[in-house]
C-alpha atoms as a PDB file:
ATOM      1  CA  UNK A   1      85.230  16.022 109.807  1.00  0.00           C
ATOM      2  CA  UNK A   2      85.761  14.256 106.793  1.00  0.00           C
ATOM      3  CA  UNK A   3      83.938  11.806 105.342  1.00  0.00           C
ATOM      4  CA  UNK A   4      85.320   8.757 103.651  1.00  0.00           C
ATOM      5  CA  UNK A   5      82.248   7.023 102.372  1.00  0.00           C
ATOM      6  CA  UNK A   6      79.095   8.747 100.377  1.00  0.00           C
ATOM      7  CA  UNK A   7      75.757   7.440  99.313  1.00  0.00           C
ATOM      8  CA  UNK A   8      74.880   8.481  95.530  1.00  0.00           C
ATOM      9  CA  UNK A   9      71.496   8.226  94.600  1.00  0.00           C
ATOM     10  CA  UNK A  10      70.353   8.424  90.653  1.00  0.00           C
ATOM     11  CA  UNK A  11      67.090   9.158  89.459  1.00  0.00           C
ATOM     12  CA  UNK A  12      66.833   7.742  85.954  1.00  0.00           C
ATOM     13  CA  UNK A  13      64.142   7.596  83.193  1.00  0.00           C
ATOM     14  CA  UNK A  14      62.759   3.915  83.183  1.00  0.00           C
ATOM     15  CA  UNK A  15      64.148   3.954  79.573  1.00  0.00           C
ATOM     16  CA  UNK A  16      67.793   4.008  81.178  1.00  0.00           C
ATOM     17  CA  UNK A  17      67.144   1.336  83.570  1.00  0.00           C
ATOM     18  CA  UNK A  18      68.799  -1.624  81.935  1.00  0.00           C
ATOM     19  CA  UNK A  19      71.845   0.371  80.333  1.00  0.00           C
ATOM     20  CA  UNK A  20      72.367   1.918  84.101  1.00  0.00           C
ATOM     21  CA  UNK A  21      72.144  -1.408  85.649  1.00  0.00           C
ATOM     22  CA  UNK A  22      74.984  -2.704  83.163  1.00  0.00           C
ATOM     23  CA  UNK A  23      77.018   0.307  83.669  1.00  0.00           C
ATOM     24  CA  UNK A  24      76.772   0.115  87.533  1.00  0.00           C
ATOM     25  CA  UNK A  25      77.760  -3.694  87.574  1.00  0.00           C
ATOM     26  CA  UNK A  26      80.830  -2.682  85.941  1.00  0.00           C
ATOM     27  CA  UNK A  27      81.600   0.780  87.795  1.00  0.00           C
ATOM     28  CA  UNK A  28      80.216  -0.207  91.193  1.00  0.00           C
ATOM     29  CA  UNK A  29      81.408  -3.861  91.813  1.00  0.00           C
ATOM     30  CA  UNK A  30      82.769  -3.563  95.223  1.00  0.00           C
ATOM     31  CA  UNK A  31      79.499  -2.510  97.376  1.00  0.00           C
ATOM     32  CA  UNK A  32      76.804  -3.243  94.841  1.00  0.00           C
ATOM     33  CA  UNK A  33      73.796  -1.090  94.457  1.00  0.00           C
ATOM     34  CA  UNK A  34      69.950  -0.980  94.935  1.00  0.00           C
ATOM     35  CA  UNK A  35      67.265   0.130  92.413  1.00  0.00           C
ATOM     36  CA  UNK A  36      63.502   0.771  92.924  1.00  0.00           C
ATOM     37  CA  UNK A  37      60.478   2.579  91.019  1.00  0.00           C
ATOM     38  CA  UNK A  38      59.923   5.993  92.282  1.00  0.00           C
ATOM     39  CA  UNK A  39      57.463   8.749  91.021  1.00  0.00           C
ATOM     40  CA  UNK A  40      59.239  12.255  90.764  1.00  0.00           C
ATOM     41  CA  UNK A  41      57.334  15.447  91.513  1.00  0.00           C
ATOM     42  CA  UNK A  42      58.217  18.558  90.279  1.00  0.00           C
ATOM     43  CA  UNK A  43      56.523  21.943  89.323  1.00  0.00           C
ATOM     44  CA  UNK A  44      58.068  22.185  85.453  1.00  0.00           C
ATOM     45  CA  UNK A  45      56.296  20.077  83.162  1.00  0.00           C
ATOM     46  CA  UNK A  46      59.047  19.634  80.782  1.00  0.00           C
ATOM     47  CA  UNK A  47      59.201  16.346  79.459  1.00  0.00           C
ATOM     48  CA  UNK A  48      55.930  15.327  80.861  1.00  0.00           C
ATOM     49  CA  UNK A  49      53.785  13.110  79.204  1.00  0.00           C
ATOM     50  CA  UNK A  50      49.844  14.454  79.242  1.00  0.00           C
ATOM     51  CA  UNK A  51      48.914  11.621  81.663  1.00  0.00           C
ATOM     52  CA  UNK A  52      52.331  12.757  83.691  1.00  0.00           C
ATOM     53  CA  UNK A  53      50.975  16.380  83.542  1.00  0.00           C
ATOM     54  CA  UNK A  54      47.452  15.420  84.998  1.00  0.00           C
ATOM     55  CA  UNK A  55      48.736  13.026  87.688  1.00  0.00           C
ATOM     56  CA  UNK A  56      51.670  15.682  88.606  1.00  0.00           C
ATOM     57  CA  UNK A  57      54.462  12.662  88.866  1.00  0.00           C
ATOM     58  CA  UNK A  58      56.537  10.991  86.405  1.00  0.00           C
ATOM     59  CA  UNK A  59      57.895   7.725  87.128  1.00  0.00           C
ATOM     60  CA  UNK A  60      61.797   7.111  87.396  1.00  0.00           C
ATOM     61  CA  UNK A  61      64.094   4.359  88.540  1.00  0.00           C
ATOM     62  CA  UNK A  62      66.531   5.262  91.625  1.00  0.00           C
ATOM     63  CA  UNK A  63      69.542   3.629  91.953  1.00  0.00           C
ATOM     64  CA  UNK A  64      71.648   4.059  95.204  1.00  0.00           C
ATOM     65  CA  UNK A  65      74.865   2.878  96.082  1.00  0.00           C
ATOM     66  CA  UNK A  66      78.044   3.377  98.524  1.00  0.00           C
ATOM     67  CA  UNK A  67      80.996   4.576  97.011  1.00  0.00           C
ATOM     68  CA  UNK A  68      84.279   6.004  98.979  1.00  0.00           C
ATOM     69  CA  UNK A  69      85.806   9.225  97.973  1.00  0.00           C
ATOM     70  CA  UNK A  70      88.093   8.075  95.131  1.00  0.00           C
ATOM     71  CA  UNK A  71      85.123   5.822  93.739  1.00  0.00           C
ATOM     72  CA  UNK A  72      82.721   8.829  93.712  1.00  0.00           C
ATOM     73  CA  UNK A  73      84.680  10.789  91.341  1.00  0.00           C
ATOM     74  CA  UNK A  74      85.270   7.925  88.961  1.00  0.00           C
ATOM     75  CA  UNK A  75      81.725   7.131  89.384  1.00  0.00           C
ATOM     76  CA  UNK A  76      80.502  10.349  88.288  1.00  0.00           C
ATOM     77  CA  UNK A  77      83.018  11.147  85.711  1.00  0.00           C
ATOM     78  CA  UNK A  78      81.971   8.021  83.836  1.00  0.00           C
ATOM     79  CA  UNK A  79      78.132   8.628  83.975  1.00  0.00           C
ATOM     80  CA  UNK A  80      78.390  12.267  82.936  1.00  0.00           C
ATOM     81  CA  UNK A  81      80.299  11.067  80.285  1.00  0.00           C
ATOM     82  CA  UNK A  82      78.361   8.170  79.138  1.00  0.00           C
ATOM     83  CA  UNK A  83      74.945   9.700  79.834  1.00  0.00           C
ATOM     84  CA  UNK A  84      75.355  13.652  78.823  1.00  0.00           C
ATOM     85  CA  UNK A  85      72.209  14.882  78.382  1.00  0.00           C
ATOM     86  CA  UNK A  86      70.025  11.930  79.485  1.00  0.00           C
ATOM     87  CA  UNK A  87      68.081  13.833  82.256  1.00  0.00           C
ATOM     88  CA  UNK A  88      69.351  11.829  85.233  1.00  0.00           C
ATOM     89  CA  UNK A  89      69.494  13.449  88.330  1.00  0.00           C
ATOM     90  CA  UNK A  90      71.474  12.622  91.248  1.00  0.00           C
ATOM     91  CA  UNK A  91      73.032  13.656  94.622  1.00  0.00           C
ATOM     92  CA  UNK A  92      75.109  12.850  97.316  1.00  0.00           C
ATOM     93  CA  UNK A  93      75.313  12.194 100.899  1.00  0.00           C
ATOM     94  CA  UNK A  94      77.959  11.604 103.470  1.00  0.00           C
ATOM     95  CA  UNK A  95      77.533   8.227 105.140  1.00  0.00           C
ATOM     96  CA  UNK A  96      77.844   9.043 108.986  1.00  0.00           C
ATOM     97  CA  UNK A  97      77.241   5.378 109.630  1.00  0.00           C
ATOM     98  CA  UNK A  98      76.124   1.877 108.239  1.00  0.00           C
ATOM     99  CA  UNK A  99      76.146  -1.454 109.100  1.00  0.00           C
ATOM    100  CA  UNK A 100      74.059  -4.515 109.199  1.00  0.00           C
ATOM    101  CA  UNK A 101      71.781  -5.370 112.319  1.00  0.00           C
END
């Protein structure tokens, strides 16, 4: 089974929120995207402030968008080029079904 569309999730440091919004508005105009504040929990303390180490969580901004196979390749290539080393975590899942109810 091949999937034509994918859900891309990005966890971004809050300092990059506005830059990512601008980038995604240019890159992902067809379907748009969603963003929300989340907390990332991880056993490594790299890059965490003292307060984050104590609380065991780090604030991130999560972006989610649907993209087709071609758009996925273009999106990831551009993000990797523009934000290399920025600490953006991402994952891609196939979309089995979507719609509006």
